All heavy atoms as atom14 arrays in JSON, in Angstrom:
{
  "sequence": "ANNSIKNLNATLKYAEEKAGQADKLVAELVKEIQKANK",
  "atom14_mask": [
    [1, 1, 1, 1, 1, 0, 0, 0, 0, 0, 0, 0, 0, 0],
    [1, 1, 1, 1, 1, 1, 1, 1, 0, 0, 0, 0, 0, 0],
    [1, 1, 1, 1, 1, 1, 1, 1, 0, 0, 0, 0, 0, 0],
    [1, 1, 1, 1, 1, 1, 0, 0, 0, 0, 0, 0, 0, 0],
    [1, 1, 1, 1, 1, 1, 1, 1, 0, 0, 0, 0, 0, 0],
    [1, 1, 1, 1, 1, 1, 1, 1, 1, 0, 0, 0, 0, 0],
    [1, 1, 1, 1, 1, 1, 1, 1, 0, 0, 0, 0, 0, 0],
    [1, 1, 1, 1, 1, 1, 1, 1, 0, 0, 0, 0, 0, 0],
    [1, 1, 1, 1, 1, 1, 1, 1, 0, 0, 0, 0, 0, 0],
    [1, 1, 1, 1, 1, 0, 0, 0, 0, 0, 0, 0, 0, 0],
    [1, 1, 1, 1, 1, 1, 1, 0, 0, 0, 0, 0, 0, 0],
    [1, 1, 1, 1, 1, 1, 1, 1, 0, 0, 0, 0, 0, 0],
    [1, 1, 1, 1, 1, 1, 1, 1, 1, 0, 0, 0, 0, 0],
    [1, 1, 1, 1, 1, 1, 1, 1, 1, 1, 1, 1, 0, 0],
    [1, 1, 1, 1, 1, 0, 0, 0, 0, 0, 0, 0, 0, 0],
    [1, 1, 1, 1, 1, 1, 1, 1, 1, 0, 0, 0, 0, 0],
    [1, 1, 1, 1, 1, 1, 1, 1, 1, 0, 0, 0, 0, 0],
    [1, 1, 1, 1, 1, 1, 1, 1, 1, 0, 0, 0, 0, 0],
    [1, 1, 1, 1, 1, 0, 0, 0, 0, 0, 0, 0, 0, 0],
    [1, 1, 1, 1, 0, 0, 0, 0, 0, 0, 0, 0, 0, 0],
    [1, 1, 1, 1, 1, 1, 1, 1, 1, 0, 0, 0, 0, 0],
    [1, 1, 1, 1, 1, 0, 0, 0, 0, 0, 0, 0, 0, 0],
    [1, 1, 1, 1, 1, 1, 1, 1, 0, 0, 0, 0, 0, 0],
    [1, 1, 1, 1, 1, 1, 1, 1, 1, 0, 0, 0, 0, 0],
    [1, 1, 1, 1, 1, 1, 1, 1, 0, 0, 0, 0, 0, 0],
    [1, 1, 1, 1, 1, 1, 1, 0, 0, 0, 0, 0, 0, 0],
    [1, 1, 1, 1, 1, 0, 0, 0, 0, 0, 0, 0, 0, 0],
    [1, 1, 1, 1, 1, 1, 1, 1, 1, 0, 0, 0, 0, 0],
    [1, 1, 1, 1, 1, 1, 1, 1, 0, 0, 0, 0, 0, 0],
    [1, 1, 1, 1, 1, 1, 1, 0, 0, 0, 0, 0, 0, 0],
    [1, 1, 1, 1, 1, 1, 1, 1, 1, 0, 0, 0, 0, 0],
    [1, 1, 1, 1, 1, 1, 1, 1, 1, 0, 0, 0, 0, 0],
    [1, 1, 1, 1, 1, 1, 1, 1, 0, 0, 0, 0, 0, 0],
    [1, 1, 1, 1, 1, 1, 1, 1, 1, 0, 0, 0, 0, 0],
    [1, 1, 1, 1, 1, 1, 1, 1, 1, 0, 0, 0, 0, 0],
    [1, 1, 1, 1, 1, 0, 0, 0, 0, 0, 0, 0, 0, 0],
    [1, 1, 1, 1, 1, 1, 1, 1, 0, 0, 0, 0, 0, 0],
    [1, 1, 1, 1, 1, 1, 1, 1, 1, 0, 0, 0, 0, 0]
  ],
  "atom14_positions": [
    [[0.85, -1.21, 0.01], [0.0, 0.0, 0.0], [0.87, 1.25, 0.0], [0.6, 2.21, -0.73], [-0.94, -0.01, 1.21], [0.0, 0.0, 0.0], [0.0, 0.0, 0.0], [0.0, 0.0, 0.0], [0.0, 0.0, 0.0], [0.0, 0.0, 0.0], [0.0, 0.0, 0.0], [0.0, 0.0, 0.0], [0.0, 0.0, 0.0], [0.0, 0.0, 0.0]],
    [[1.94, 1.25, 0.81], [2.85, 2.4, 0.82], [3.52, 2.59, -0.52], [3.68, 3.74, -0.98], [3.9, 2.21, 1.92], [3.33, 2.48, 3.3], [2.33, 3.18, 3.46], [3.95, 1.9, 4.32], [0.0, 0.0, 0.0], [0.0, 0.0, 0.0], [0.0, 0.0, 0.0], [0.0, 0.0, 0.0], [0.0, 0.0, 0.0], [0.0, 0.0, 0.0]],
    [[3.87, 1.52, -1.17], [4.47, 1.59, -2.5], [3.48, 2.17, -3.51], [3.84, 3.0, -4.34], [5.0, 0.22, -2.94], [5.89, 0.32, -4.14], [6.71, 1.21, -4.22], [5.72, -0.6, -5.09], [0.0, 0.0, 0.0], [0.0, 0.0, 0.0], [0.0, 0.0, 0.0], [0.0, 0.0, 0.0], [0.0, 0.0, 0.0], [0.0, 0.0, 0.0]],
    [[2.24, 1.73, -3.42], [1.19, 2.25, -4.29], [1.0, 3.74, -4.08], [0.87, 4.52, -5.04], [-0.14, 1.53, -4.07], [-0.06, 0.2, -4.5], [0.0, 0.0, 0.0], [0.0, 0.0, 0.0], [0.0, 0.0, 0.0], [0.0, 0.0, 0.0], [0.0, 0.0, 0.0], [0.0, 0.0, 0.0], [0.0, 0.0, 0.0], [0.0, 0.0, 0.0]],
    [[0.98, 4.15, -2.82], [0.84, 5.57, -2.49], [2.0, 6.37, -3.07], [1.83, 7.43, -3.65], [0.72, 5.78, -0.97], [-0.63, 5.24, -0.48], [0.89, 7.23, -0.59], [-0.75, 5.14, 1.03], [0.0, 0.0, 0.0], [0.0, 0.0, 0.0], [0.0, 0.0, 0.0], [0.0, 0.0, 0.0], [0.0, 0.0, 0.0], [0.0, 0.0, 0.0]],
    [[3.2, 5.83, -2.93], [4.39, 6.51, -3.46], [4.28, 6.67, -4.97], [4.53, 7.75, -5.52], [5.64, 5.69, -3.12], [6.93, 6.28, -3.6], [8.12, 5.38, -3.25], [9.38, 5.85, -3.89], [10.51, 4.92, -3.66], [0.0, 0.0, 0.0], [0.0, 0.0, 0.0], [0.0, 0.0, 0.0], [0.0, 0.0, 0.0], [0.0, 0.0, 0.0]],
    [[3.87, 5.58, -5.65], [3.71, 5.65, -7.11], [2.6, 6.64, -7.51], [2.74, 7.38, -8.49], [3.42, 4.27, -7.68], [4.62, 3.33, -7.59], [5.76, 3.78, -7.47], [4.37, 2.06, -7.61], [0.0, 0.0, 0.0], [0.0, 0.0, 0.0], [0.0, 0.0, 0.0], [0.0, 0.0, 0.0], [0.0, 0.0, 0.0], [0.0, 0.0, 0.0]],
    [[1.5, 6.63, -6.77], [0.39, 7.53, -7.09], [0.8, 8.99, -6.86], [0.43, 9.88, -7.63], [-0.83, 7.17, -6.25], [-1.54, 5.88, -6.66], [-2.6, 5.5, -5.63], [-2.13, 5.98, -8.05], [0.0, 0.0, 0.0], [0.0, 0.0, 0.0], [0.0, 0.0, 0.0], [0.0, 0.0, 0.0], [0.0, 0.0, 0.0], [0.0, 0.0, 0.0]],
    [[1.59, 9.22, -5.8], [2.07, 10.58, -5.56], [2.98, 11.05, -6.69], [2.9, 12.2, -7.12], [2.81, 10.66, -4.22], [1.84, 10.72, -3.04], [0.7, 11.16, -3.18], [2.3, 10.3, -1.89], [0.0, 0.0, 0.0], [0.0, 0.0, 0.0], [0.0, 0.0, 0.0], [0.0, 0.0, 0.0], [0.0, 0.0, 0.0], [0.0, 0.0, 0.0]],
    [[3.83, 10.16, -7.2], [4.69, 10.51, -8.31], [3.85, 10.79, -9.56], [4.12, 11.76, -10.28], [5.68, 9.38, -8.58], [0.0, 0.0, 0.0], [0.0, 0.0, 0.0], [0.0, 0.0, 0.0], [0.0, 0.0, 0.0], [0.0, 0.0, 0.0], [0.0, 0.0, 0.0], [0.0, 0.0, 0.0], [0.0, 0.0, 0.0], [0.0, 0.0, 0.0]],
    [[2.84, 9.99, -9.79], [1.95, 10.2, -10.93], [1.2, 11.51, -10.8], [1.06, 12.27, -11.77], [0.96, 9.02, -11.05], [1.7, 7.82, -11.23], [0.02, 9.21, -12.23], [0.0, 0.0, 0.0], [0.0, 0.0, 0.0], [0.0, 0.0, 0.0], [0.0, 0.0, 0.0], [0.0, 0.0, 0.0], [0.0, 0.0, 0.0], [0.0, 0.0, 0.0]],
    [[0.74, 11.81, -9.6], [0.04, 13.07, -9.34], [0.95, 14.26, -9.56], [0.54, 15.25, -10.2], [-0.5, 13.09, -7.9], [-1.27, 14.31, -7.46], [-2.5, 14.53, -8.37], [-1.7, 14.2, -6.02], [0.0, 0.0, 0.0], [0.0, 0.0, 0.0], [0.0, 0.0, 0.0], [0.0, 0.0, 0.0], [0.0, 0.0, 0.0], [0.0, 0.0, 0.0]],
    [[2.18, 14.17, -9.14], [3.14, 15.26, -9.33], [3.36, 15.47, -10.83], [3.37, 16.61, -11.31], [4.46, 14.95, -8.65], [5.47, 16.06, -8.74], [6.75, 15.73, -7.97], [7.74, 16.89, -8.12], [9.0, 16.61, -7.43], [0.0, 0.0, 0.0], [0.0, 0.0, 0.0], [0.0, 0.0, 0.0], [0.0, 0.0, 0.0], [0.0, 0.0, 0.0]],
    [[3.53, 14.39, -11.56], [3.71, 14.47, -13.02], [2.47, 15.12, -13.67], [2.61, 16.01, -14.52], [3.94, 13.08, -13.59], [4.03, 13.0, -15.1], [5.19, 13.37, -15.76], [2.94, 12.6, -15.86], [5.28, 13.34, -17.13], [3.01, 12.55, -17.24], [4.18, 12.92, -17.87], [4.25, 12.88, -19.24], [0.0, 0.0, 0.0], [0.0, 0.0, 0.0]],
    [[1.3, 14.69, -13.23], [0.05, 15.24, -13.79], [-0.06, 16.75, -13.48], [-0.49, 17.51, -14.36], [-1.14, 14.5, -13.26], [0.0, 0.0, 0.0], [0.0, 0.0, 0.0], [0.0, 0.0, 0.0], [0.0, 0.0, 0.0], [0.0, 0.0, 0.0], [0.0, 0.0, 0.0], [0.0, 0.0, 0.0], [0.0, 0.0, 0.0], [0.0, 0.0, 0.0]],
    [[0.32, 17.13, -12.29], [0.28, 18.54, -11.93], [1.22, 19.37, -12.78], [0.9, 20.46, -13.22], [0.61, 18.73, -10.45], [-0.49, 18.25, -9.51], [-0.09, 18.25, -8.05], [1.13, 18.29, -7.73], [-1.0, 18.2, -7.21], [0.0, 0.0, 0.0], [0.0, 0.0, 0.0], [0.0, 0.0, 0.0], [0.0, 0.0, 0.0], [0.0, 0.0, 0.0]],
    [[2.43, 18.81, -13.04], [3.39, 19.51, -13.9], [2.83, 19.67, -15.31], [2.92, 20.74, -15.93], [4.72, 18.75, -13.94], [5.49, 18.83, -12.63], [6.71, 17.88, -12.62], [6.96, 17.19, -13.64], [7.38, 17.85, -11.58], [0.0, 0.0, 0.0], [0.0, 0.0, 0.0], [0.0, 0.0, 0.0], [0.0, 0.0, 0.0], [0.0, 0.0, 0.0]],
    [[2.24, 18.58, -15.83], [1.67, 18.64, -17.18], [0.48, 19.59, -17.22], [0.3, 20.31, -18.22], [1.24, 17.23, -17.64], [2.41, 16.33, -17.92], [3.25, 16.88, -19.05], [4.47, 16.03, -19.33], [5.31, 16.59, -20.37], [0.0, 0.0, 0.0], [0.0, 0.0, 0.0], [0.0, 0.0, 0.0], [0.0, 0.0, 0.0], [0.0, 0.0, 0.0]],
    [[-0.3, 19.62, -16.18], [-1.44, 20.57, -16.13], [-0.93, 22.01, -16.14], [-1.52, 22.88, -16.83], [-2.31, 20.32, -14.89], [0.0, 0.0, 0.0], [0.0, 0.0, 0.0], [0.0, 0.0, 0.0], [0.0, 0.0, 0.0], [0.0, 0.0, 0.0], [0.0, 0.0, 0.0], [0.0, 0.0, 0.0], [0.0, 0.0, 0.0], [0.0, 0.0, 0.0]],
    [[0.15, 22.27, -15.41], [0.74, 23.6, -15.42], [1.24, 23.98, -16.82], [1.04, 25.13, -17.26], [0.0, 0.0, 0.0], [0.0, 0.0, 0.0], [0.0, 0.0, 0.0], [0.0, 0.0, 0.0], [0.0, 0.0, 0.0], [0.0, 0.0, 0.0], [0.0, 0.0, 0.0], [0.0, 0.0, 0.0], [0.0, 0.0, 0.0], [0.0, 0.0, 0.0]],
    [[1.88, 23.03, -17.49], [2.34, 23.28, -18.85], [1.15, 23.52, -19.79], [1.19, 24.42, -20.64], [3.16, 22.11, -19.37], [4.49, 21.93, -18.67], [5.2, 20.64, -19.09], [4.72, 19.88, -19.91], [6.38, 20.4, -18.51], [0.0, 0.0, 0.0], [0.0, 0.0, 0.0], [0.0, 0.0, 0.0], [0.0, 0.0, 0.0], [0.0, 0.0, 0.0]],
    [[0.11, 22.75, -19.6], [-1.1, 22.92, -20.43], [-1.73, 24.28, -20.19], [-2.15, 24.95, -21.13], [-2.1, 21.8, -20.15], [0.0, 0.0, 0.0], [0.0, 0.0, 0.0], [0.0, 0.0, 0.0], [0.0, 0.0, 0.0], [0.0, 0.0, 0.0], [0.0, 0.0, 0.0], [0.0, 0.0, 0.0], [0.0, 0.0, 0.0], [0.0, 0.0, 0.0]],
    [[-1.76, 24.72, -18.95], [-2.31, 26.04, -18.63], [-1.54, 27.15, -19.33], [-2.12, 28.08, -19.87], [-2.29, 26.29, -17.11], [-3.36, 25.5, -16.36], [-4.29, 24.98, -17.01], [-3.25, 25.4, -15.11], [0.0, 0.0, 0.0], [0.0, 0.0, 0.0], [0.0, 0.0, 0.0], [0.0, 0.0, 0.0], [0.0, 0.0, 0.0], [0.0, 0.0, 0.0]],
    [[-0.2, 27.01, -19.35], [0.62, 28.01, -20.04], [0.32, 28.0, -21.53], [0.22, 29.06, -22.15], [2.1, 27.73, -19.79], [2.55, 28.08, -18.38], [4.02, 27.73, -18.18], [4.44, 27.96, -16.74], [5.83, 27.6, -16.5], [0.0, 0.0, 0.0], [0.0, 0.0, 0.0], [0.0, 0.0, 0.0], [0.0, 0.0, 0.0], [0.0, 0.0, 0.0]],
    [[0.2, 26.83, -22.11], [-0.09, 26.73, -23.54], [-1.47, 27.3, -23.88], [-1.65, 27.97, -24.88], [0.02, 25.29, -24.02], [1.43, 24.69, -24.0], [1.4, 23.2, -24.31], [2.33, 25.41, -24.99], [0.0, 0.0, 0.0], [0.0, 0.0, 0.0], [0.0, 0.0, 0.0], [0.0, 0.0, 0.0], [0.0, 0.0, 0.0], [0.0, 0.0, 0.0]],
    [[-2.43, 27.06, -23.01], [-3.77, 27.6, -23.22], [-3.72, 29.11, -23.14], [-4.35, 29.79, -23.96], [-4.77, 27.01, -22.2], [-6.07, 27.78, -22.19], [-5.02, 25.53, -22.48], [0.0, 0.0, 0.0], [0.0, 0.0, 0.0], [0.0, 0.0, 0.0], [0.0, 0.0, 0.0], [0.0, 0.0, 0.0], [0.0, 0.0, 0.0], [0.0, 0.0, 0.0]],
    [[-2.98, 29.64, -22.19], [-2.86, 31.1, -22.07], [-2.24, 31.71, -23.32], [-2.69, 32.74, -23.84], [-2.05, 31.47, -20.83], [0.0, 0.0, 0.0], [0.0, 0.0, 0.0], [0.0, 0.0, 0.0], [0.0, 0.0, 0.0], [0.0, 0.0, 0.0], [0.0, 0.0, 0.0], [0.0, 0.0, 0.0], [0.0, 0.0, 0.0], [0.0, 0.0, 0.0]],
    [[-1.21, 31.03, -23.86], [-0.58, 31.49, -25.1], [-1.58, 31.43, -26.26], [-1.66, 32.36, -27.08], [0.65, 30.65, -25.43], [1.83, 30.87, -24.52], [2.98, 29.95, -24.85], [3.06, 29.41, -25.99], [3.82, 29.74, -23.97], [0.0, 0.0, 0.0], [0.0, 0.0, 0.0], [0.0, 0.0, 0.0], [0.0, 0.0, 0.0], [0.0, 0.0, 0.0]],
    [[-2.34, 30.37, -26.31], [-3.34, 30.21, -27.37], [-4.42, 31.27, -27.29], [-4.82, 31.83, -28.3], [-3.97, 28.82, -27.29], [-4.94, 28.44, -28.38], [-4.3, 28.53, -29.78], [-5.47, 27.04, -28.16], [0.0, 0.0, 0.0], [0.0, 0.0, 0.0], [0.0, 0.0, 0.0], [0.0, 0.0, 0.0], [0.0, 0.0, 0.0], [0.0, 0.0, 0.0]],
    [[-4.86, 31.58, -26.08], [-5.86, 32.65, -25.89], [-5.31, 33.96, -26.41], [-6.01, 34.71, -27.1], [-6.26, 32.72, -24.4], [-7.03, 34.02, -24.12], [-7.1, 31.53, -24.01], [0.0, 0.0, 0.0], [0.0, 0.0, 0.0], [0.0, 0.0, 0.0], [0.0, 0.0, 0.0], [0.0, 0.0, 0.0], [0.0, 0.0, 0.0], [0.0, 0.0, 0.0]],
    [[-4.05, 34.25, -26.11], [-3.43, 35.5, -26.6], [-3.41, 35.52, -28.13], [-3.68, 36.54, -28.76], [-2.02, 35.67, -26.04], [-1.99, 36.05, -24.59], [-0.56, 36.17, -24.09], [-0.51, 36.44, -22.6], [0.89, 36.52, -22.12], [0.0, 0.0, 0.0], [0.0, 0.0, 0.0], [0.0, 0.0, 0.0], [0.0, 0.0, 0.0], [0.0, 0.0, 0.0]],
    [[-3.04, 34.38, -28.72], [-2.97, 34.3, -30.18], [-4.36, 34.5, -30.79], [-4.52, 35.15, -31.81], [-2.38, 32.97, -30.63], [-0.9, 32.84, -30.36], [-0.06, 33.82, -31.17], [-0.4, 34.05, -32.34], [0.92, 34.35, -30.62], [0.0, 0.0, 0.0], [0.0, 0.0, 0.0], [0.0, 0.0, 0.0], [0.0, 0.0, 0.0], [0.0, 0.0, 0.0]],
    [[-5.37, 33.9, -30.14], [-6.74, 34.05, -30.65], [-7.2, 35.5, -30.53], [-7.81, 36.04, -31.47], [-7.71, 33.1, -29.9], [-7.43, 31.65, -30.29], [-9.15, 33.46, -30.15], [-8.13, 30.63, -29.44], [0.0, 0.0, 0.0], [0.0, 0.0, 0.0], [0.0, 0.0, 0.0], [0.0, 0.0, 0.0], [0.0, 0.0, 0.0], [0.0, 0.0, 0.0]],
    [[-6.87, 36.14, -29.43], [-7.24, 37.54, -29.25], [-6.56, 38.4, -30.32], [-7.18, 39.31, -30.91], [-6.88, 38.02, -27.85], [-7.76, 37.43, -26.77], [-7.25, 37.72, -25.37], [-6.08, 38.08, -25.16], [-8.14, 37.56, -24.4], [0.0, 0.0, 0.0], [0.0, 0.0, 0.0], [0.0, 0.0, 0.0], [0.0, 0.0, 0.0], [0.0, 0.0, 0.0]],
    [[-5.3, 38.11, -30.58], [-4.55, 38.83, -31.59], [-5.18, 38.63, -32.97], [-5.38, 39.59, -33.73], [-3.08, 38.36, -31.6], [-2.21, 39.07, -32.59], [-0.79, 38.49, -32.51], [0.08, 39.04, -33.62], [1.43, 38.44, -33.61], [0.0, 0.0, 0.0], [0.0, 0.0, 0.0], [0.0, 0.0, 0.0], [0.0, 0.0, 0.0], [0.0, 0.0, 0.0]],
    [[-5.52, 37.38, -33.26], [-6.14, 37.07, -34.56], [-7.51, 37.76, -34.67], [-7.86, 38.28, -35.74], [-6.3, 35.56, -34.73], [0.0, 0.0, 0.0], [0.0, 0.0, 0.0], [0.0, 0.0, 0.0], [0.0, 0.0, 0.0], [0.0, 0.0, 0.0], [0.0, 0.0, 0.0], [0.0, 0.0, 0.0], [0.0, 0.0, 0.0], [0.0, 0.0, 0.0]],
    [[-8.27, 37.77, -33.6], [-9.58, 38.43, -33.62], [-9.44, 39.94, -33.88], [-10.25, 40.53, -34.62], [-10.33, 38.2, -32.31], [-10.92, 36.82, -32.22], [-11.1, 36.13, -33.23], [-11.19, 36.35, -31.01], [0.0, 0.0, 0.0], [0.0, 0.0, 0.0], [0.0, 0.0, 0.0], [0.0, 0.0, 0.0], [0.0, 0.0, 0.0], [0.0, 0.0, 0.0]],
    [[-8.41, 40.55, -33.31], [-8.16, 41.99, -33.56], [-7.82, 42.23, -35.03], [-8.27, 43.18, -35.66], [-7.06, 42.52, -32.65], [-7.51, 42.68, -31.21], [-6.36, 43.2, -30.34], [-6.81, 43.29, -28.9], [-5.73, 43.71, -28.0], [0.0, 0.0, 0.0], [0.0, 0.0, 0.0], [0.0, 0.0, 0.0], [0.0, 0.0, 0.0], [0.0, 0.0, 0.0]]
  ]
}
């Protein structure tokens, strides 16, 4: 169980990092869309 928790925590950390990267990409895309709309 402890090993599973350790693995899940590592997976969660990875997912959080990817979510942060995705948020940055979405923010860049929103800026590009706003620029294109102008």
